[in-house]
PDB file of N, CA and C in Angstrom:
ATOM      1  N   MET A   1       0.817  -1.189   0.000  1.00  0.00           N
ATOM      2  CA  MET A   1       0.000   0.000   0.000  1.00  0.00           C
ATOM      3  C   MET A   1       0.869   1.265   0.000  1.00  0.00           C
ATOM      4  N   PHE A   2       1.970   1.270   0.726  1.00  0.00           N
ATOM      5  CA  PHE A   2       2.863   2.419   0.785  1.00  0.00           C
ATOM      6  C   PHE A   2       4.207   2.053   0.177  1.00  0.00           C
ATOM      7  N   ALA A   3       4.875   3.041  -0.395  1.00  0.00           N
ATOM      8  CA  ALA A   3       6.241   2.821  -0.857  1.00  0.00           C
ATOM      9  C   ALA A   3       7.131   2.631   0.373  1.00  0.00           C
ATOM     10  N   GLU A   4       8.212   1.924   0.195  1.00  0.00           N
ATOM     11  CA  GLU A   4       9.084   1.609   1.337  1.00  0.00           C
ATOM     12  C   GLU A   4       9.477   2.842   2.156  1.00  0.00           C
ATOM     13  N   PRO A   5       9.915   3.941   1.520  1.00  0.00           N
ATOM     14  CA  PRO A   5      10.290   5.101   2.333  1.00  0.00           C
ATOM     15  C   PRO A   5       9.123   5.703   3.114  1.00  0.00           C
ATOM     16  N   SER A   6       7.904   5.474   2.668  1.00  0.00           N
ATOM     17  CA  SER A   6       6.744   6.057   3.343  1.00  0.00           C
ATOM     18  C   SER A   6       6.440   5.386   4.676  1.00  0.00           C
ATOM     19  N   TRP A   7       6.935   4.195   4.871  1.00  0.00           N
ATOM     20  CA  TRP A   7       6.621   3.498   6.125  1.00  0.00           C
ATOM     21  C   TRP A   7       7.148   4.244   7.342  1.00  0.00           C
ATOM     22  N   LEU A   8       8.263   4.950   7.206  1.00  0.00           N
ATOM     23  CA  LEU A   8       8.783   5.722   8.336  1.00  0.00           C
ATOM     24  C   LEU A   8       7.756   6.768   8.763  1.00  0.00           C
ATOM     25  N   GLN A   9       7.190   7.483   7.794  1.00  0.00           N
ATOM     26  CA  GLN A   9       6.184   8.484   8.121  1.00  0.00           C
ATOM     27  C   GLN A   9       4.938   7.845   8.724  1.00  0.00           C
ATOM     28  N   VAL A  10       4.521   6.711   8.176  1.00  0.00           N
ATOM     29  CA  VAL A  10       3.337   6.018   8.692  1.00  0.00           C
ATOM     30  C   VAL A  10       3.565   5.605  10.142  1.00  0.00           C
ATOM     31  N   MET A  11       4.694   4.976  10.412  1.00  0.00           N
ATOM     32  CA  MET A  11       4.972   4.520  11.780  1.00  0.00           C
ATOM     33  C   MET A  11       5.176   5.699  12.725  1.00  0.00           C
ATOM     34  N   HIS A  12       5.855   6.750  12.250  1.00  0.00           N
ATOM     35  CA  HIS A  12       6.067   7.927  13.092  1.00  0.00           C
ATOM     36  C   HIS A  12       4.715   8.532  13.484  1.00  0.00           C
ATOM     37  N   GLY A  13       3.786   8.581  12.541  1.00  0.00           N
ATOM     38  CA  GLY A  13       2.448   9.099  12.822  1.00  0.00           C
ATOM     39  C   GLY A  13       1.689   8.261  13.846  1.00  0.00           C
ATOM     40  N   GLN A  14       2.078   7.011  13.986  1.00  0.00           N
ATOM     41  CA  GLN A  14       1.450   6.130  14.973  1.00  0.00           C
ATOM     42  C   GLN A  14       2.286   6.031  16.247  1.00  0.00           C
ATOM     43  N   ARG A  15       3.248   6.948  16.386  1.00  0.00           N
ATOM     44  CA  ARG A  15       4.131   7.047  17.559  1.00  0.00           C
ATOM     45  C   ARG A  15       5.041   5.826  17.729  1.00  0.00           C
ATOM     46  N   ILE A  16       5.347   5.166  16.623  1.00  0.00           N
ATOM     47  CA  ILE A  16       6.312   4.072  16.645  1.00  0.00           C
ATOM     48  C   ILE A  16       7.654   4.667  16.235  1.00  0.00           C
ATOM     49  N   ARG A  17       8.607   4.676  17.144  1.00  0.00           N
ATOM     50  CA  ARG A  17       9.896   5.313  16.902  1.00  0.00           C
ATOM     51  C   ARG A  17      10.982   4.265  16.664  1.00  0.00           C
ATOM     52  N   PRO A  18      11.893   4.524  15.735  1.00  0.00           N
ATOM     53  CA  PRO A  18      12.987   3.585  15.487  1.00  0.00           C
ATOM     54  C   PRO A  18      13.972   3.573  16.648  1.00  0.00           C
ATOM     55  N   ARG A  19      14.618   2.438  16.861  1.00  0.00           N
ATOM     56  CA  ARG A  19      15.642   2.332  17.901  1.00  0.00           C
ATOM     57  C   ARG A  19      17.018   2.682  17.363  1.00  0.00           C
ATOM     58  N   GLY A  20      17.134   2.806  16.053  1.00  0.00           N
ATOM     59  CA  GLY A  20      18.423   3.114  15.443  1.00  0.00           C
ATOM     60  C   GLY A  20      18.217   3.516  14.007  1.00  0.00           C
ATOM     61  N   TYR A  21      19.271   3.410  13.236  1.00  0.00           N
ATOM     62  CA  TYR A  21      19.200   3.760  11.821  1.00  0.00           C
ATOM     63  C   TYR A  21      19.982   2.738  11.015  1.00  0.00           C
ATOM     64  N   HIS A  22      19.740   2.725   9.723  1.00  0.00           N
ATOM     65  CA  HIS A  22      20.402   1.760   8.852  1.00  0.00           C
ATOM     66  C   HIS A  22      21.882   2.130   8.730  1.00  0.00           C
ATOM     67  N   PRO A  23      22.789   1.175   8.877  1.00  0.00           N
ATOM     68  CA  PRO A  23      24.223   1.467   8.838  1.00  0.00           C
ATOM     69  C   PRO A  23      24.715   2.025   7.500  1.00  0.00           C
ATOM     70  N   LEU A  24      23.971   1.838   6.420  1.00  0.00           N
ATOM     71  CA  LEU A  24      24.389   2.411   5.140  1.00  0.00           C
ATOM     72  C   LEU A  24      24.406   3.939   5.173  1.00  0.00           C
ATOM     73  N   VAL A  25      23.677   4.518   6.123  1.00  0.00           N
ATOM     74  CA  VAL A  25      23.682   5.969   6.269  1.00  0.00           C
ATOM     75  C   VAL A  25      25.103   6.464   6.521  1.00  0.00           C
ATOM     76  N   ASP A  26      25.892   5.679   7.219  1.00  0.00           N
ATOM     77  CA  ASP A  26      27.257   6.082   7.553  1.00  0.00           C
ATOM     78  C   ASP A  26      28.167   6.195   6.330  1.00  0.00           C
ATOM     79  N   LEU A  27      27.721   5.717   5.178  1.00  0.00           N
ATOM     80  CA  LEU A  27      28.514   5.851   3.956  1.00  0.00           C
ATOM     81  C   LEU A  27      28.460   7.266   3.387  1.00  0.00           C
ATOM     82  N   HIS A  28      27.531   8.082   3.888  1.00  0.00           N
ATOM     83  CA  HIS A  28      27.365   9.450   3.397  1.00  0.00           C
ATOM     84  C   HIS A  28      27.886  10.436   4.438  1.00  0.00           C
ATOM     85  N   SER A  29      28.526  11.486   3.978  1.00  0.00           N
ATOM     86  CA  SER A  29      29.018  12.516   4.896  1.00  0.00           C
ATOM     87  C   SER A  29      27.839  13.305   5.460  1.00  0.00           C
ATOM     88  N   GLU A  30      28.080  13.933   6.617  1.00  0.00           N
ATOM     89  CA  GLU A  30      27.026  14.770   7.202  1.00  0.00           C
ATOM     90  C   GLU A  30      26.656  15.898   6.256  1.00  0.00           C
ATOM     91  N   GLN A  31      27.626  16.414   5.526  1.00  0.00           N
ATOM     92  CA  GLN A  31      27.355  17.490   4.574  1.00  0.00           C
ATOM     93  C   GLN A  31      26.420  17.002   3.469  1.00  0.00           C
ATOM     94  N   LYS A  32      26.676  15.792   2.956  1.00  0.00           N
ATOM     95  CA  LYS A  32      25.840  15.232   1.892  1.00  0.00           C
ATOM     96  C   LYS A  32      24.405  15.013   2.398  1.00  0.00           C
ATOM     97  N   VAL A  33      24.272  14.509   3.610  1.00  0.00           N
ATOM     98  CA  VAL A  33      22.946  14.298   4.192  1.00  0.00           C
ATOM     99  C   VAL A  33      22.244  15.645   4.387  1.00  0.00           C
ATOM    100  N   ALA A  34      22.980  16.649   4.881  1.00  0.00           N
ATOM    101  CA  ALA A  34      22.403  17.979   5.079  1.00  0.00           C
ATOM    102  C   ALA A  34      21.953  18.581   3.752  1.00  0.00           C
ATOM    103  N   GLU A  35      22.736  18.395   2.697  1.00  0.00           N
ATOM    104  CA  GLU A  35      22.352  18.897   1.377  1.00  0.00           C
ATOM    105  C   GLU A  35      21.074  18.210   0.887  1.00  0.00           C
ATOM    106  N   PHE A  36      21.004  16.902   1.077  1.00  0.00           N
ATOM    107  CA  PHE A  36      19.815  16.161   0.663  1.00  0.00           C
ATOM    108  C   PHE A  36      18.580  16.651   1.420  1.00  0.00           C
ATOM    109  N   LEU A  37      18.717  16.778   2.743  1.00  0.00           N
ATOM    110  CA  LEU A  37      17.581  17.241   3.540  1.00  0.00           C
ATOM    111  C   LEU A  37      17.197  18.668   3.166  1.00  0.00           C
ATOM    112  N   GLY A  38      18.196  19.491   2.843  1.00  0.00           N
ATOM    113  CA  GLY A  38      17.899  20.851   2.382  1.00  0.00           C
ATOM    114  C   GLY A  38      17.100  20.849   1.090  1.00  0.00           C
ATOM    115  N   SER A  39      17.437  19.935   0.187  1.00  0.00           N
ATOM    116  CA  SER A  39      16.685  19.863  -1.074  1.00  0.00           C
ATOM    117  C   SER A  39      15.255  19.370  -0.824  1.00  0.00           C
ATOM    118  N   VAL A  40      15.085  18.438   0.095  1.00  0.00           N
ATOM    119  CA  VAL A  40      13.741  17.974   0.455  1.00  0.00           C
ATOM    120  C   VAL A  40      12.944  19.142   1.042  1.00  0.00           C
ATOM    121  N   HIS A  41      13.579  19.899   1.920  1.00  0.00           N
ATOM    122  CA  HIS A  41      12.929  21.065   2.526  1.00  0.00           C
ATOM    123  C   HIS A  41      12.491  22.044   1.438  1.00  0.00           C
ATOM    124  N   GLY A  42      13.341  22.266   0.453  1.00  0.00           N
ATOM    125  CA  GLY A  42      13.010  23.171  -0.642  1.00  0.00           C
ATOM    126  C   GLY A  42      11.809  22.709  -1.447  1.00  0.00           C
ATOM    127  N   VAL A  43      11.753  21.421  -1.740  1.00  0.00           N
ATOM    128  CA  VAL A  43      10.609  20.874  -2.487  1.00  0.00           C
ATOM    129  C   VAL A  43       9.325  21.062  -1.691  1.00  0.00           C
ATOM    130  N   ILE A  44       9.378  20.761  -0.410  1.00  0.00           N
ATOM    131  CA  ILE A  44       8.185  20.914   0.428  1.00  0.00           C
ATOM    132  C   ILE A  44       7.764  22.377   0.485  1.00  0.00           C
ATOM    133  N   ALA A  45       8.718  23.280   0.640  1.00  0.00           N
ATOM    134  CA  ALA A  45       8.400  24.712   0.708  1.00  0.00           C
ATOM    135  C   ALA A  45       7.734  25.183  -0.578  1.00  0.00           C
ATOM    136  N   ARG A  46       8.233  24.726  -1.720  1.00  0.00           N
ATOM    137  CA  ARG A  46       7.621  25.124  -2.997  1.00  0.00           C
ATOM    138  C   ARG A  46       6.211  24.553  -3.135  1.00  0.00           C
ATOM    139  N   CYS A  47       5.997  23.352  -2.657  1.00  0.00           N
ATOM    140  CA  CYS A  47       4.663  22.748  -2.713  1.00  0.00           C
ATOM    141  C   CYS A  47       3.683  23.520  -1.831  1.00  0.00           C
ATOM    142  N   VAL A  48       4.133  23.902  -0.648  1.00  0.00           N
ATOM    143  CA  VAL A  48       3.274  24.638   0.282  1.00  0.00           C
ATOM    144  C   VAL A  48       2.833  25.959  -0.331  1.00  0.00           C
ATOM    145  N   GLU A  49       3.699  26.571  -1.119  1.00  0.00           N
ATOM    146  CA  GLU A  49       3.368  27.855  -1.746  1.00  0.00           C
ATOM    147  C   GLU A  49       2.212  27.740  -2.741  1.00  0.00           C
ATOM    148  N   VAL A  50       2.048  26.592  -3.377  1.00  0.00           N
ATOM    149  CA  VAL A  50       1.050  26.472  -4.441  1.00  0.00           C
ATOM    150  C   VAL A  50      -0.162  25.616  -4.081  1.00  0.00           C
ATOM    151  N   VAL A  51      -0.077  24.843  -3.031  1.00  0.00           N
ATOM    152  CA  VAL A  51      -1.182  23.973  -2.643  1.00  0.00           C
ATOM    153  C   VAL A  51      -2.180  24.782  -1.805  1.00  0.00           C
ATOM    154  N   PRO A  52      -3.471  24.638  -2.070  1.00  0.00           N
ATOM    155  CA  PRO A  52      -4.457  25.381  -1.264  1.00  0.00           C
ATOM    156  C   PRO A  52      -4.467  24.887   0.180  1.00  0.00           C
ATOM    157  N   ASP A  53      -4.845  25.773   1.102  1.00  0.00           N
ATOM    158  CA  ASP A  53      -4.935  25.324   2.494  1.00  0.00           C
ATOM    159  C   ASP A  53      -6.144  24.385   2.630  1.00  0.00           C
ATOM    160  N   HIS A  54      -6.279  23.778   3.782  1.00  0.00           N
ATOM    161  CA  HIS A  54      -7.293  22.754   4.006  1.00  0.00           C
ATOM    162  C   HIS A  54      -8.699  23.279   3.733  1.00  0.00           C
ATOM    163  N   ASP A  55      -9.033  24.454   4.274  1.00  0.00           N
ATOM    164  CA  ASP A  55     -10.382  25.003   4.080  1.00  0.00           C
ATOM    165  C   ASP A  55     -10.686  25.244   2.598  1.00  0.00           C
ATOM    166  N   ALA A  56      -9.712  25.791   1.882  1.00  0.00           N
ATOM    167  CA  ALA A  56      -9.919  26.057   0.451  1.00  0.00           C
ATOM    168  C   ALA A  56     -10.097  24.755  -0.317  1.00  0.00           C
ATOM    169  N   PHE A  57      -9.316  23.734   0.021  1.00  0.00           N
ATOM    170  CA  PHE A  57      -9.442  22.447  -0.658  1.00  0.00           C
ATOM    171  C   PHE A  57     -10.834  21.842  -0.426  1.00  0.00           C
ATOM    172  N   ILE A  58     -11.257  21.852   0.831  1.00  0.00           N
ATOM    173  CA  ILE A  58     -12.567  21.278   1.167  1.00  0.00           C
ATOM    174  C   ILE A  58     -13.671  22.054   0.441  1.00  0.00           C
ATOM    175  N   ALA A  59     -13.593  23.376   0.461  1.00  0.00           N
ATOM    176  CA  ALA A  59     -14.616  24.189  -0.195  1.00  0.00           C
ATOM    177  C   ALA A  59     -14.675  23.890  -1.692  1.00  0.00           C
ATOM    178  N   ARG A  60     -13.520  23.698  -2.305  1.00  0.00           N
ATOM    179  CA  ARG A  60     -13.473  23.494  -3.744  1.00  0.00           C
ATOM    180  C   ARG A  60     -13.813  22.060  -4.156  1.00  0.00           C
ATOM    181  N   ASN A  61     -13.447  21.083  -3.333  1.00  0.00           N
ATOM    182  CA  ASN A  61     -13.557  19.689  -3.761  1.00  0.00           C
ATOM    183  C   ASN A  61     -14.574  18.843  -3.000  1.00  0.00           C
ATOM    184  N   CYS A  62     -15.008  19.303  -1.854  1.00  0.00           N
ATOM    185  CA  CYS A  62     -15.853  18.439  -1.025  1.00  0.00           C
ATOM    186  C   CYS A  62     -17.135  19.121  -0.541  1.00  0.00           C
ATOM    187  N   ALA A  63     -17.425  20.257  -1.117  1.00  0.00           N
ATOM    188  CA  ALA A  63     -18.621  20.996  -0.686  1.00  0.00           C
ATOM    189  C   ALA A  63     -19.879  20.184  -0.982  1.00  0.00           C
ATOM    190  N   MET A  64     -20.842  20.332  -0.101  1.00  0.00           N
ATOM    191  CA  MET A  64     -22.127  19.659  -0.319  1.00  0.00           C
ATOM    192  C   MET A  64     -22.830  20.338  -1.476  1.00  0.00           C
ATOM    193  N   ALA A  65     -23.366  19.557  -2.371  1.00  0.00           N
ATOM    194  CA  ALA A  65     -24.040  20.126  -3.553  1.00  0.00           C
ATOM    195  C   ALA A  65     -25.471  20.472  -3.250  1.00  0.00           C
TER     196      ALA A  65
END
């Protein structure tokens, strides 16, 4: 039902926290990880700028006819 990377978000939302992290993470420098997370942050920020807020979405897509 979910892509593999999405399971972290699903479990986090259910208050299931990891006890550690995958050791392959250690193959990347902290700078490389920070750059990746910065790019993710940028994508999310751009999406937030163009996506309607919850009330606008509901009014446009779920209003009672």
